[in-house]
């Protein structure tokens, strides 16, 4: 069941939900890596030198995306709002640096990372924070660094509260595809989009749309 009812603490709902179903979610998701995500990760790996520093926002248990990045010889910092997800990540990706917290509250030095990735995570932020998150990512990227993320690919803007998502309440939000592109336009000084794709992916029995974006950080003069 889903509704558009406003909730007072959407991030608390996301944190509590994933804490409750961390093991269940891993068992459900790990055998079903999407071919779209896998293809984009391979593109990114091909663009990065060995040892490149990568920040993953919403790393979950680290399976399979973070594992793939680490196996490629990249130095990964993984962030997740769910302590239970990170406990699983410690088992599956002990090589990674793991941080527990809200991605919006993170502080890193400017130009700290060669790439920042976020898979199926930014749309758990409230709508008004998604553009701000992209702005933070741009700041953290080195010149020539890469941003790879996906957002909700629904055409309509809104919030969704699923009251029984794998047995828990879950929050997500969407700006619409045009709204997603507006975020990129607002950050065009310094970010050049090289991939912009709305892809349909199988999520359980349903077909869901996700908006994939890949961009490179340039100097403002070259943007």
Protein backbone atom coordinates (compact mmCIF):
# COMPACT_ATOMS: atom_id res chain seq x y z
CA UNK A 1 0.00 0.00 0.00
CA UNK A 2 1.31 3.46 -0.88
CA UNK A 3 0.12 6.96 -0.14
CA UNK A 4 1.29 10.55 -0.56
CA UNK A 5 0.66 11.41 3.07
CA UNK A 6 3.15 13.84 4.58
CA UNK A 7 5.36 12.42 7.32
CA UNK A 8 7.21 14.51 9.86
CA UNK A 9 10.52 12.60 9.84
CA UNK A 10 11.11 10.96 6.45
CA UNK A 11 14.76 10.20 7.12
CA UNK A 12 13.88 8.57 10.42
CA UNK A 13 11.40 6.38 8.55
CA UNK A 14 14.10 5.36 6.04
CA UNK A 15 16.65 4.66 8.76
CA UNK A 16 14.24 2.62 10.88
CA UNK A 17 12.95 0.71 7.86
CA UNK A 18 16.36 -0.38 6.62
CA UNK A 19 17.50 -1.19 10.15
CA UNK A 20 14.58 -3.57 10.46
CA UNK A 21 14.97 -5.34 7.13
CA UNK A 22 18.72 -5.15 6.45
CA UNK A 23 19.29 -8.91 6.25
CA UNK A 24 16.03 -9.50 4.39
CA UNK A 25 16.83 -6.77 1.88
CA UNK A 26 20.30 -8.18 1.26
CA UNK A 27 18.88 -11.66 0.65
CA UNK A 28 16.34 -10.20 -1.78
CA UNK A 29 18.54 -7.74 -3.66
CA UNK A 30 21.98 -9.36 -3.93
CA UNK A 31 20.91 -12.10 -6.38
CA UNK A 32 19.25 -9.44 -8.56
CA UNK A 33 21.91 -6.93 -9.58
CA UNK A 34 20.49 -4.77 -12.36
CA UNK A 35 22.27 -4.89 -15.68
CA UNK A 36 21.87 -1.11 -16.01
CA UNK A 37 23.74 -0.41 -12.80
CA UNK A 38 26.41 -3.00 -13.60
CA UNK A 39 27.02 -1.44 -17.03
CA UNK A 40 27.41 2.05 -15.59
CA UNK A 41 29.80 0.80 -12.90
CA UNK A 42 31.97 -0.81 -15.56
CA UNK A 43 31.99 2.48 -17.51
CA UNK A 44 33.08 4.32 -14.39
CA UNK A 45 35.82 1.83 -13.51
CA UNK A 46 37.27 2.18 -16.99
CA UNK A 47 37.61 5.94 -16.44
CA UNK A 48 39.38 5.78 -13.07
CA UNK A 49 43.02 5.03 -12.27
CA UNK A 50 43.94 2.27 -9.80
CA UNK A 51 43.61 3.47 -6.22
CA UNK A 52 41.18 6.24 -7.11
CA UNK A 53 39.11 7.49 -4.18
CA UNK A 54 35.39 6.79 -4.51
CA UNK A 55 32.57 7.90 -2.21
CA UNK A 56 29.40 5.79 -2.26
CA UNK A 57 26.30 7.42 -0.80
CA UNK A 58 23.89 4.76 0.43
CA UNK A 59 26.24 1.78 0.22
CA UNK A 60 23.91 -0.55 2.11
CA UNK A 61 25.50 -3.93 2.78
CA UNK A 62 28.05 -3.33 0.03
CA UNK A 63 26.73 -6.08 -2.25
CA UNK A 64 27.30 -6.09 -5.15
CA UNK A 65 28.22 -2.54 -6.17
CA UNK A 66 30.79 -1.69 -3.53
CA UNK A 67 32.39 -5.10 -3.88
CA UNK A 68 32.80 -4.49 -7.61
CA UNK A 69 34.45 -1.11 -7.04
CA UNK A 70 36.84 -2.56 -4.46
CA UNK A 71 37.76 -5.53 -6.66
CA UNK A 72 38.68 -3.01 -9.36
CA UNK A 73 41.35 -1.62 -7.02
CA UNK A 74 39.49 1.51 -5.95
CA UNK A 75 39.59 3.02 -2.44
CA UNK A 76 35.96 3.24 -1.36
CA UNK A 77 34.31 5.22 1.42
CA UNK A 78 30.77 3.96 1.98
CA UNK A 79 28.05 5.92 3.77
CA UNK A 80 24.67 4.71 4.94
CA UNK A 81 21.97 6.00 7.28
CA UNK A 82 21.25 2.47 8.54
CA UNK A 83 23.52 1.04 11.23
CA UNK A 84 22.21 -2.46 10.48
CA UNK A 85 23.15 -2.10 6.82
CA UNK A 86 26.65 -0.96 7.78
CA UNK A 87 27.05 -3.91 10.14
CA UNK A 88 26.51 -6.17 7.14
CA UNK A 89 28.85 -4.02 5.07
CA UNK A 90 31.64 -4.59 7.60
CA UNK A 91 31.32 -8.31 6.87
CA UNK A 92 31.16 -8.03 3.08
CA UNK A 93 33.49 -5.10 2.37
CA UNK A 94 36.00 -4.87 5.25
CA UNK A 95 38.41 -3.02 2.94
CA UNK A 96 36.08 -0.01 2.73
CA UNK A 97 35.99 2.99 5.04
CA UNK A 98 32.44 3.02 6.42
CA UNK A 99 30.55 6.01 7.78
CA UNK A 100 27.18 5.93 9.56
CA UNK A 101 25.01 8.96 8.97
CA UNK A 102 22.70 11.08 6.87
CA UNK A 103 24.44 11.85 3.56
CA UNK A 104 23.31 15.47 3.80
CA UNK A 105 25.22 15.94 7.05
CA UNK A 106 28.55 14.73 5.65
CA UNK A 107 31.55 17.05 5.56
CA UNK A 108 34.57 16.40 3.36
CA UNK A 109 37.30 18.67 2.10
CA UNK A 110 36.68 20.09 -1.37
CA UNK A 111 38.09 17.94 -4.19
CA UNK A 112 38.50 14.87 -1.96
CA UNK A 113 37.23 12.20 -4.37
CA UNK A 114 37.84 10.97 -7.90
CA UNK A 115 34.24 9.76 -8.10
CA UNK A 116 31.01 9.93 -6.12
CA UNK A 117 28.30 7.34 -6.73
CA UNK A 118 24.78 6.97 -5.35
CA UNK A 119 22.61 4.04 -6.38
CA UNK A 120 18.91 4.01 -5.41
CA UNK A 121 19.60 6.29 -2.45
CA UNK A 122 19.19 10.01 -3.22
CA UNK A 123 15.46 9.59 -3.82
CA UNK A 124 15.13 8.69 -0.12
CA UNK A 125 15.95 12.34 0.62
CA UNK A 126 13.19 14.96 0.75
CA UNK A 127 12.73 16.67 -2.61
CA UNK A 128 14.23 19.98 -1.48
CA UNK A 129 17.48 18.26 -0.48
CA UNK A 130 18.19 16.37 -3.69
CA UNK A 131 19.55 19.37 -5.56
CA UNK A 132 21.60 20.40 -2.54
CA UNK A 133 23.07 16.89 -2.45
CA UNK A 134 24.23 17.18 -6.04
CA UNK A 135 25.82 20.51 -5.16
CA UNK A 136 27.73 18.87 -2.31
CA UNK A 137 28.88 16.08 -4.62
CA UNK A 138 30.22 18.64 -7.09
CA UNK A 139 32.23 20.30 -4.32
CA UNK A 140 33.73 16.99 -3.15
CA UNK A 141 34.83 15.92 -6.63
CA UNK A 142 38.31 16.58 -7.90
CA UNK A 143 38.67 18.29 -11.27
CA UNK A 144 38.07 15.56 -13.82
CA UNK A 145 36.19 13.49 -11.23
CA UNK A 146 32.99 11.62 -12.00
CA UNK A 147 29.47 11.64 -10.55
CA UNK A 148 27.32 8.58 -11.19
CA UNK A 149 23.85 8.34 -9.67
CA UNK A 150 20.25 7.47 -10.32
CA UNK A 151 17.08 9.27 -9.30
CA UNK A 152 13.42 8.37 -9.49
CA UNK A 153 12.44 8.21 -13.15
CA UNK A 154 8.74 8.93 -12.68
CA UNK A 155 7.50 11.87 -14.74
CA UNK A 156 5.52 13.39 -11.87
CA UNK A 157 6.84 15.20 -8.82
CA UNK A 158 5.75 14.00 -5.38
CA UNK A 159 6.39 11.97 -2.25
CA UNK A 160 5.53 8.34 -1.63
CA UNK A 161 5.06 6.62 1.71
CA UNK A 162 4.80 2.86 1.28
CA UNK A 163 3.18 1.44 4.36
CA UNK A 164 4.18 -2.17 3.65
CA UNK A 165 7.46 -2.21 1.73
CA UNK A 166 9.00 -5.58 2.56
CA UNK A 167 7.10 -5.36 5.85
CA UNK A 168 8.16 -1.84 6.87
CA UNK A 169 7.15 1.75 6.15
CA UNK A 170 9.41 3.41 3.57
CA UNK A 171 9.69 6.96 2.22
CA UNK A 172 10.86 8.13 -1.19
CA UNK A 173 10.44 11.28 -3.23
CA UNK A 174 10.70 12.37 -6.83
CA UNK A 175 11.19 15.61 -8.72
CA UNK A 176 10.11 14.22 -12.07
CA UNK A 177 12.55 13.74 -14.93
CA UNK A 178 12.38 17.44 -15.83
CA UNK A 179 13.01 18.33 -12.21
CA UNK A 180 16.02 16.02 -12.13
CA UNK A 181 17.40 17.77 -15.21
CA UNK A 182 16.79 21.14 -13.57
CA UNK A 183 19.13 20.05 -10.77
CA UNK A 184 21.83 19.44 -13.37
CA UNK A 185 21.16 22.78 -15.05
CA UNK A 186 21.55 24.49 -11.68
CA UNK A 187 24.95 22.78 -11.30
CA UNK A 188 26.10 23.19 -14.90
CA UNK A 189 28.93 25.49 -13.79
CA UNK A 190 31.43 22.74 -13.19
CA UNK A 191 29.45 19.60 -14.10
CA UNK A 192 29.18 18.32 -17.66
CA UNK A 193 26.55 15.61 -18.18
CA UNK A 194 27.75 12.78 -20.42
CA UNK A 195 24.98 10.24 -19.77
CA UNK A 196 21.27 10.96 -19.21
CA UNK A 197 19.07 7.88 -19.46
CA UNK A 198 15.66 6.89 -18.13
CA UNK A 199 15.79 3.10 -17.88
CA UNK A 200 13.11 0.60 -16.96
CA UNK A 201 14.27 -1.99 -14.44
CA UNK A 202 12.55 -4.95 -12.89
CA UNK A 203 11.97 -4.46 -9.14
CA UNK A 204 10.33 -7.61 -7.85
CA UNK A 205 7.24 -8.13 -10.00
CA UNK A 206 7.13 -4.48 -11.10
CA UNK A 207 8.77 -2.41 -13.84
CA UNK A 208 10.22 0.77 -12.34
CA UNK A 209 11.78 3.79 -14.05
CA UNK A 210 15.11 5.17 -12.85
CA UNK A 211 16.88 8.24 -14.18
CA UNK A 212 20.61 7.54 -14.60
CA UNK A 213 23.03 10.44 -14.74
CA UNK A 214 26.77 10.45 -15.27
CA UNK A 215 28.71 13.71 -15.23
CA UNK A 216 32.30 14.89 -15.10
CA UNK A 217 33.58 17.84 -13.08
CA UNK A 218 35.23 20.51 -15.14
CA UNK A 219 36.69 23.86 -14.29
CA UNK A 220 34.10 26.63 -14.53
CA UNK A 221 35.94 28.03 -17.58
CA UNK A 222 35.42 24.74 -19.42
CA UNK A 223 31.87 24.01 -18.22
